[in-house]
């Protein structure tokens, strides 16, 4: 089964904590959507991401191979995906030029937008550098980092 990571799930080490069988397959692109910060997370102390339909935009992410059983566990993982996220099937364009059916998580209810959480965006940026997103997309993530907010106990 294919899973598409686009936010905090750009970072493979985070994904394998949640989905031990996950292996990186390739970079992929979700056209006509963009990442937005549409939910507040107390745990992250700021906004967390979702995809939102936006004609002409593109979300860069990564396809992971994993078992259906492990994804089903995420559907009910309290504090991570429950109650904010729902799993849906989308089609993304792989770096191989082929279209791939993938599962992804996005918010049930869009609120905000909120300033992004600094730790959340830092993990996203780390993953984006690891997989080699385009320079323009990397610049977009760095912009979110500049807009981000710190938890009360974090150092600037």
C-alpha atoms as a PDB file:
ATOM      1  CA  UNK A   1       0.000   0.000   0.000  1.00  0.00           C
ATOM      2  CA  UNK A   2       1.256   3.506  -0.796  1.00  0.00           C
ATOM      3  CA  UNK A   3       1.130   6.379   1.690  1.00  0.00           C
ATOM      4  CA  UNK A   4       1.837  10.035   0.756  1.00  0.00           C
ATOM      5  CA  UNK A   5       3.684  12.155   3.315  1.00  0.00           C
ATOM      6  CA  UNK A   6       3.598  15.913   2.827  1.00  0.00           C
ATOM      7  CA  UNK A   7       3.829  17.749   6.174  1.00  0.00           C
ATOM      8  CA  UNK A   8       5.602  16.380   9.212  1.00  0.00           C
ATOM      9  CA  UNK A   9       5.623  13.094   7.298  1.00  0.00           C
ATOM     10  CA  UNK A  10       8.279  14.349   4.908  1.00  0.00           C
ATOM     11  CA  UNK A  11      10.724  13.271   7.613  1.00  0.00           C
ATOM     12  CA  UNK A  12      11.245   9.519   7.204  1.00  0.00           C
ATOM     13  CA  UNK A  13      12.367   8.994  10.817  1.00  0.00           C
ATOM     14  CA  UNK A  14       9.025  10.361  12.052  1.00  0.00           C
ATOM     15  CA  UNK A  15       7.103   8.123   9.655  1.00  0.00           C
ATOM     16  CA  UNK A  16       8.962   4.972  10.650  1.00  0.00           C
ATOM     17  CA  UNK A  17       8.168   5.677  14.316  1.00  0.00           C
ATOM     18  CA  UNK A  18       4.485   5.565  13.374  1.00  0.00           C
ATOM     19  CA  UNK A  19       4.696   2.961  10.593  1.00  0.00           C
ATOM     20  CA  UNK A  20       7.645   0.616  11.225  1.00  0.00           C
ATOM     21  CA  UNK A  21       7.322  -1.139   7.843  1.00  0.00           C
ATOM     22  CA  UNK A  22       7.399   2.145   5.872  1.00  0.00           C
ATOM     23  CA  UNK A  23      10.031   2.396   3.166  1.00  0.00           C
ATOM     24  CA  UNK A  24      10.607   5.410   0.967  1.00  0.00           C
ATOM     25  CA  UNK A  25       9.565   4.775  -2.635  1.00  0.00           C
ATOM     26  CA  UNK A  26      10.007   8.132  -4.395  1.00  0.00           C
ATOM     27  CA  UNK A  27       9.220  11.837  -4.394  1.00  0.00           C
ATOM     28  CA  UNK A  28       5.756  12.718  -5.638  1.00  0.00           C
ATOM     29  CA  UNK A  29       3.601  15.715  -6.431  1.00  0.00           C
ATOM     30  CA  UNK A  30      -0.031  16.509  -5.658  1.00  0.00           C
ATOM     31  CA  UNK A  31      -1.240  19.118  -8.170  1.00  0.00           C
ATOM     32  CA  UNK A  32      -3.903  21.733  -7.429  1.00  0.00           C
ATOM     33  CA  UNK A  33      -3.402  21.551  -3.660  1.00  0.00           C
ATOM     34  CA  UNK A  34      -1.250  23.450  -1.207  1.00  0.00           C
ATOM     35  CA  UNK A  35      -0.162  23.024   2.399  1.00  0.00           C
ATOM     36  CA  UNK A  36      -1.980  25.321   4.807  1.00  0.00           C
ATOM     37  CA  UNK A  37      -1.874  25.676   8.603  1.00  0.00           C
ATOM     38  CA  UNK A  38      -5.524  25.094   9.381  1.00  0.00           C
ATOM     39  CA  UNK A  39      -5.596  23.446  12.837  1.00  0.00           C
ATOM     40  CA  UNK A  40      -4.153  24.396  16.207  1.00  0.00           C
ATOM     41  CA  UNK A  41      -2.148  21.789  18.102  1.00  0.00           C
ATOM     42  CA  UNK A  42      -1.555  22.148  21.832  1.00  0.00           C
ATOM     43  CA  UNK A  43       1.107  19.427  21.592  1.00  0.00           C
ATOM     44  CA  UNK A  44       3.050  21.342  18.921  1.00  0.00           C
ATOM     45  CA  UNK A  45       2.169  24.786  20.273  1.00  0.00           C
ATOM     46  CA  UNK A  46       1.073  26.135  16.916  1.00  0.00           C
ATOM     47  CA  UNK A  47      -0.524  25.415  13.603  1.00  0.00           C
ATOM     48  CA  UNK A  48      -0.312  21.998  11.981  1.00  0.00           C
ATOM     49  CA  UNK A  49      -0.681  21.336   8.290  1.00  0.00           C
ATOM     50  CA  UNK A  50      -3.258  19.965   5.941  1.00  0.00           C
ATOM     51  CA  UNK A  51      -3.715  20.049   2.216  1.00  0.00           C
ATOM     52  CA  UNK A  52      -6.277  22.428   0.742  1.00  0.00           C
ATOM     53  CA  UNK A  53      -7.540  22.518  -2.821  1.00  0.00           C
ATOM     54  CA  UNK A  54      -5.838  25.437  -4.589  1.00  0.00           C
ATOM     55  CA  UNK A  55      -5.813  25.495  -8.410  1.00  0.00           C
ATOM     56  CA  UNK A  56      -2.356  25.997  -9.871  1.00  0.00           C
ATOM     57  CA  UNK A  57      -0.450  25.073  -6.700  1.00  0.00           C
ATOM     58  CA  UNK A  58       1.421  21.850  -5.960  1.00  0.00           C
ATOM     59  CA  UNK A  59       2.328  19.900  -2.840  1.00  0.00           C
ATOM     60  CA  UNK A  60       5.657  18.125  -2.898  1.00  0.00           C
ATOM     61  CA  UNK A  61       5.901  14.997  -0.823  1.00  0.00           C
ATOM     62  CA  UNK A  62       7.047  11.434  -0.723  1.00  0.00           C
ATOM     63  CA  UNK A  63       5.468   8.056  -1.336  1.00  0.00           C
ATOM     64  CA  UNK A  64       6.103   5.391   1.288  1.00  0.00           C
ATOM     65  CA  UNK A  65       5.332   1.689   0.920  1.00  0.00           C
ATOM     66  CA  UNK A  66       3.699   0.193   4.027  1.00  0.00           C
ATOM     67  CA  UNK A  67       1.171  -2.383   5.141  1.00  0.00           C
ATOM     68  CA  UNK A  68      -2.537  -1.660   5.222  1.00  0.00           C
ATOM     69  CA  UNK A  69      -2.679  -2.968   8.781  1.00  0.00           C
ATOM     70  CA  UNK A  70      -0.228  -0.290   9.981  1.00  0.00           C
ATOM     71  CA  UNK A  71      -2.165   2.478   8.228  1.00  0.00           C
ATOM     72  CA  UNK A  72      -5.364   1.229   9.835  1.00  0.00           C
ATOM     73  CA  UNK A  73      -3.698   1.702  13.244  1.00  0.00           C
ATOM     74  CA  UNK A  74      -3.054   5.364  12.353  1.00  0.00           C
ATOM     75  CA  UNK A  75      -6.764   5.821  11.619  1.00  0.00           C
ATOM     76  CA  UNK A  76      -7.376   5.391  15.344  1.00  0.00           C
ATOM     77  CA  UNK A  77      -4.159   6.845  16.810  1.00  0.00           C
ATOM     78  CA  UNK A  78      -5.288   9.330  19.423  1.00  0.00           C
ATOM     79  CA  UNK A  79      -3.310  12.538  19.656  1.00  0.00           C
ATOM     80  CA  UNK A  80      -1.706  12.110  16.239  1.00  0.00           C
ATOM     81  CA  UNK A  81      -4.485  11.549  13.713  1.00  0.00           C
ATOM     82  CA  UNK A  82      -7.593  11.280  15.896  1.00  0.00           C
ATOM     83  CA  UNK A  83      -9.647  13.452  16.164  1.00  0.00           C
ATOM     84  CA  UNK A  84      -8.266  15.963  13.634  1.00  0.00           C
ATOM     85  CA  UNK A  85      -7.326  13.941  10.536  1.00  0.00           C
ATOM     86  CA  UNK A  86      -9.092  11.568   8.163  1.00  0.00           C
ATOM     87  CA  UNK A  87      -7.513   9.189   5.672  1.00  0.00           C
ATOM     88  CA  UNK A  88      -8.406   9.529   2.007  1.00  0.00           C
ATOM     89  CA  UNK A  89      -7.283   8.072  -1.300  1.00  0.00           C
ATOM     90  CA  UNK A  90      -5.674  10.468  -3.773  1.00  0.00           C
ATOM     91  CA  UNK A  91      -3.670  10.164  -6.985  1.00  0.00           C
ATOM     92  CA  UNK A  92      -0.204  11.753  -7.078  1.00  0.00           C
ATOM     93  CA  UNK A  93       2.380  12.128  -9.820  1.00  0.00           C
ATOM     94  CA  UNK A  94       5.545  10.206  -8.946  1.00  0.00           C
ATOM     95  CA  UNK A  95       8.989  11.381  -9.936  1.00  0.00           C
ATOM     96  CA  UNK A  96       8.912   8.394 -12.305  1.00  0.00           C
ATOM     97  CA  UNK A  97       6.299  10.261 -14.402  1.00  0.00           C
ATOM     98  CA  UNK A  98       3.540   7.787 -13.473  1.00  0.00           C
ATOM     99  CA  UNK A  99       0.339   8.421 -11.487  1.00  0.00           C
ATOM    100  CA  UNK A 100       0.094   6.508  -8.204  1.00  0.00           C
ATOM    101  CA  UNK A 101      -2.881   5.849  -5.951  1.00  0.00           C
ATOM    102  CA  UNK A 102      -1.927   6.791  -2.383  1.00  0.00           C
ATOM    103  CA  UNK A 103      -3.458   7.142   1.039  1.00  0.00           C
ATOM    104  CA  UNK A 104      -2.966  10.420   2.882  1.00  0.00           C
ATOM    105  CA  UNK A 105      -4.307  12.209   5.920  1.00  0.00           C
ATOM    106  CA  UNK A 106      -5.906  15.637   5.909  1.00  0.00           C
ATOM    107  CA  UNK A 107      -7.942  17.654   8.359  1.00  0.00           C
ATOM    108  CA  UNK A 108     -11.622  16.942   8.890  1.00  0.00           C
ATOM    109  CA  UNK A 109     -12.349  20.575   9.625  1.00  0.00           C
ATOM    110  CA  UNK A 110     -10.393  23.583   8.406  1.00  0.00           C
ATOM    111  CA  UNK A 111      -9.977  26.449  10.854  1.00  0.00           C
ATOM    112  CA  UNK A 112      -7.532  29.304  11.117  1.00  0.00           C
ATOM    113  CA  UNK A 113      -5.164  29.765   9.429  1.00  0.00           C
ATOM    114  CA  UNK A 114      -2.750  29.668  12.348  1.00  0.00           C
ATOM    115  CA  UNK A 115       0.951  30.507  12.620  1.00  0.00           C
ATOM    116  CA  UNK A 116       2.871  27.267  12.011  1.00  0.00           C
ATOM    117  CA  UNK A 117       4.465  25.443  14.937  1.00  0.00           C
ATOM    118  CA  UNK A 118       8.245  25.852  14.896  1.00  0.00           C
ATOM    119  CA  UNK A 119       9.065  22.213  15.848  1.00  0.00           C
ATOM    120  CA  UNK A 120       6.578  20.971  13.254  1.00  0.00           C
ATOM    121  CA  UNK A 121       8.103  23.058  10.444  1.00  0.00           C
ATOM    122  CA  UNK A 122      11.664  22.183  11.538  1.00  0.00           C
ATOM    123  CA  UNK A 123      10.836  18.480  11.095  1.00  0.00           C
ATOM    124  CA  UNK A 124       9.211  19.201   7.760  1.00  0.00           C
ATOM    125  CA  UNK A 125      12.275  21.155   6.611  1.00  0.00           C
ATOM    126  CA  UNK A 126      14.611  18.350   7.691  1.00  0.00           C
ATOM    127  CA  UNK A 127      12.588  15.836   5.668  1.00  0.00           C
ATOM    128  CA  UNK A 128      12.351  18.151   2.660  1.00  0.00           C
ATOM    129  CA  UNK A 129      16.143  18.471   2.563  1.00  0.00           C
ATOM    130  CA  UNK A 130      16.561  14.702   2.914  1.00  0.00           C
ATOM    131  CA  UNK A 131      14.300  13.898  -0.033  1.00  0.00           C
ATOM    132  CA  UNK A 132      15.490  16.809  -2.154  1.00  0.00           C
ATOM    133  CA  UNK A 133      12.416  18.923  -2.823  1.00  0.00           C
ATOM    134  CA  UNK A 134      12.786  21.676  -5.420  1.00  0.00           C
ATOM    135  CA  UNK A 135      14.574  24.901  -4.411  1.00  0.00           C
ATOM    136  CA  UNK A 136      11.289  26.853  -4.728  1.00  0.00           C
ATOM    137  CA  UNK A 137       9.461  24.453  -2.423  1.00  0.00           C
ATOM    138  CA  UNK A 138      12.347  24.470   0.054  1.00  0.00           C
ATOM    139  CA  UNK A 139      12.133  28.270   0.077  1.00  0.00           C
ATOM    140  CA  UNK A 140       8.386  28.014   0.804  1.00  0.00           C
ATOM    141  CA  UNK A 141       9.057  25.767   3.826  1.00  0.00           C
ATOM    142  CA  UNK A 142      11.784  28.137   5.042  1.00  0.00           C
ATOM    143  CA  UNK A 143       9.196  30.936   4.797  1.00  0.00           C
ATOM    144  CA  UNK A 144       6.867  28.937   7.040  1.00  0.00           C
ATOM    145  CA  UNK A 145       9.755  28.547   9.472  1.00  0.00           C
ATOM    146  CA  UNK A 146      10.200  32.344   9.573  1.00  0.00           C
ATOM    147  CA  UNK A 147       6.447  32.695  10.276  1.00  0.00           C
ATOM    148  CA  UNK A 148       6.424  29.964  12.899  1.00  0.00           C
ATOM    149  CA  UNK A 149       5.969  30.334  16.622  1.00  0.00           C
ATOM    150  CA  UNK A 150       7.881  28.753  19.469  1.00  0.00           C
ATOM    151  CA  UNK A 151       6.562  26.791  22.397  1.00  0.00           C
ATOM    152  CA  UNK A 152       6.832  28.817  25.606  1.00  0.00           C
ATOM    153  CA  UNK A 153       9.858  26.858  26.823  1.00  0.00           C
ATOM    154  CA  UNK A 154      11.771  26.855  23.510  1.00  0.00           C
ATOM    155  CA  UNK A 155      14.792  29.023  22.847  1.00  0.00           C
ATOM    156  CA  UNK A 156      14.547  31.468  19.906  1.00  0.00           C
END
